[in-house]
Amino acid sequence: MVDLKPAKKAKPGRLPAMPKRFINRMLVYVGLFGIVFQLTAALYALWHGVQLQSFWFVTLLAPLLCVASGMLPALQLQREPD
């Protein structure tokens, strides 16, 4: 027979914590830097009257993916210790 282990239950209302593993933590830092950089560049362009593309916010997808792959257990490159 196959031994089935019960799945770990997620704790409701738990806020995401900063990952402990190096690669996951670096992905979060790079993603946050990318988000801040994109928003700063957009504000700078608007300040100087440069017309932004209609879907400029699509450029935020890559940094958001970096943050998600560092924070979400299903997307993490290194498994976090329990």
Protein backbone atom coordinates (compact mmCIF):
# COMPACT_ATOMS: atom_id res chain seq x y z
CA MET A 1 0.00 0.00 0.00
CA VAL A 2 1.01 3.57 -0.53
CA ASP A 3 1.61 5.70 2.55
CA LEU A 4 -0.16 9.01 2.05
CA LYS A 5 1.00 11.89 4.19
CA PRO A 6 -1.52 14.57 5.10
CA ALA A 7 -0.93 17.89 3.39
CA LYS A 8 0.27 20.81 5.48
CA LYS A 9 -2.52 23.23 6.13
CA ALA A 10 -1.91 26.88 5.42
CA LYS A 11 -2.26 29.21 8.35
CA PRO A 12 -5.09 31.64 7.62
CA GLY A 13 -4.27 35.32 7.76
CA ARG A 14 -0.51 34.76 7.72
CA LEU A 15 1.38 37.58 6.05
CA PRO A 16 4.10 36.63 3.59
CA ALA A 17 7.49 36.73 5.23
CA MET A 18 10.85 37.50 3.67
CA PRO A 19 12.44 34.27 2.43
CA LYS A 20 15.46 32.87 4.28
CA ARG A 21 17.27 31.25 1.34
CA PHE A 22 19.77 33.39 -0.59
CA ILE A 23 18.38 32.97 -4.12
CA ASN A 24 14.77 33.54 -3.05
CA ARG A 25 15.77 36.63 -1.06
CA MET A 26 17.77 38.02 -4.01
CA LEU A 27 14.81 37.52 -6.35
CA VAL A 28 12.65 39.58 -4.01
CA TYR A 29 15.28 42.34 -3.77
CA VAL A 30 15.77 42.45 -7.55
CA GLY A 31 12.01 42.54 -8.11
CA LEU A 32 11.51 45.36 -5.61
CA PHE A 33 14.35 47.32 -7.22
CA GLY A 34 12.74 46.78 -10.64
CA ILE A 35 9.36 48.01 -9.42
CA VAL A 36 10.87 51.11 -7.84
CA PHE A 37 12.97 51.76 -10.96
CA GLN A 38 10.00 51.43 -13.35
CA LEU A 39 7.79 53.70 -11.25
CA THR A 40 10.58 56.27 -10.88
CA ALA A 41 11.21 56.24 -14.64
CA ALA A 42 7.48 56.70 -15.30
CA LEU A 43 7.28 59.63 -12.88
CA TYR A 44 10.39 61.19 -14.42
CA ALA A 45 8.90 60.87 -17.91
CA LEU A 46 5.61 62.38 -16.79
CA TRP A 47 7.45 65.20 -14.99
CA HIS A 48 9.21 66.14 -18.23
CA GLY A 49 6.08 65.79 -20.33
CA VAL A 50 7.18 62.68 -22.21
CA GLN A 51 4.20 60.68 -23.41
CA LEU A 52 4.19 57.14 -22.00
CA GLN A 53 3.03 54.17 -24.01
CA SER A 54 -0.58 53.22 -23.39
CA PHE A 55 0.34 49.96 -21.64
CA TRP A 56 3.48 51.09 -19.77
CA PHE A 57 2.41 49.16 -16.66
CA VAL A 58 3.06 45.88 -18.54
CA THR A 59 6.76 46.53 -17.86
CA LEU A 60 5.98 45.85 -14.19
CA LEU A 61 5.23 42.19 -14.94
CA ALA A 62 8.88 41.07 -14.87
CA PRO A 63 9.67 42.63 -11.47
CA LEU A 64 6.39 41.34 -10.07
CA LEU A 65 7.27 37.86 -11.30
CA CYS A 66 10.65 38.13 -9.54
CA VAL A 67 8.95 39.09 -6.28
CA ALA A 68 6.39 36.31 -6.67
CA SER A 69 9.00 33.67 -7.45
CA GLY A 70 10.90 34.68 -4.33
CA MET A 71 7.88 34.84 -2.00
CA LEU A 72 5.44 32.17 -3.17
CA PRO A 73 6.43 28.61 -2.20
CA ALA A 74 5.08 27.15 -5.44
CA LEU A 75 7.42 29.34 -7.52
CA GLN A 76 10.54 29.38 -5.32
CA LEU A 77 13.80 28.11 -6.77
CA GLN A 78 15.09 26.96 -3.38
CA ARG A 79 12.84 25.21 -0.94
CA GLU A 80 12.46 27.20 2.28
CA PRO A 81 13.06 25.48 5.63
CA ASP A 82 9.93 24.93 7.71
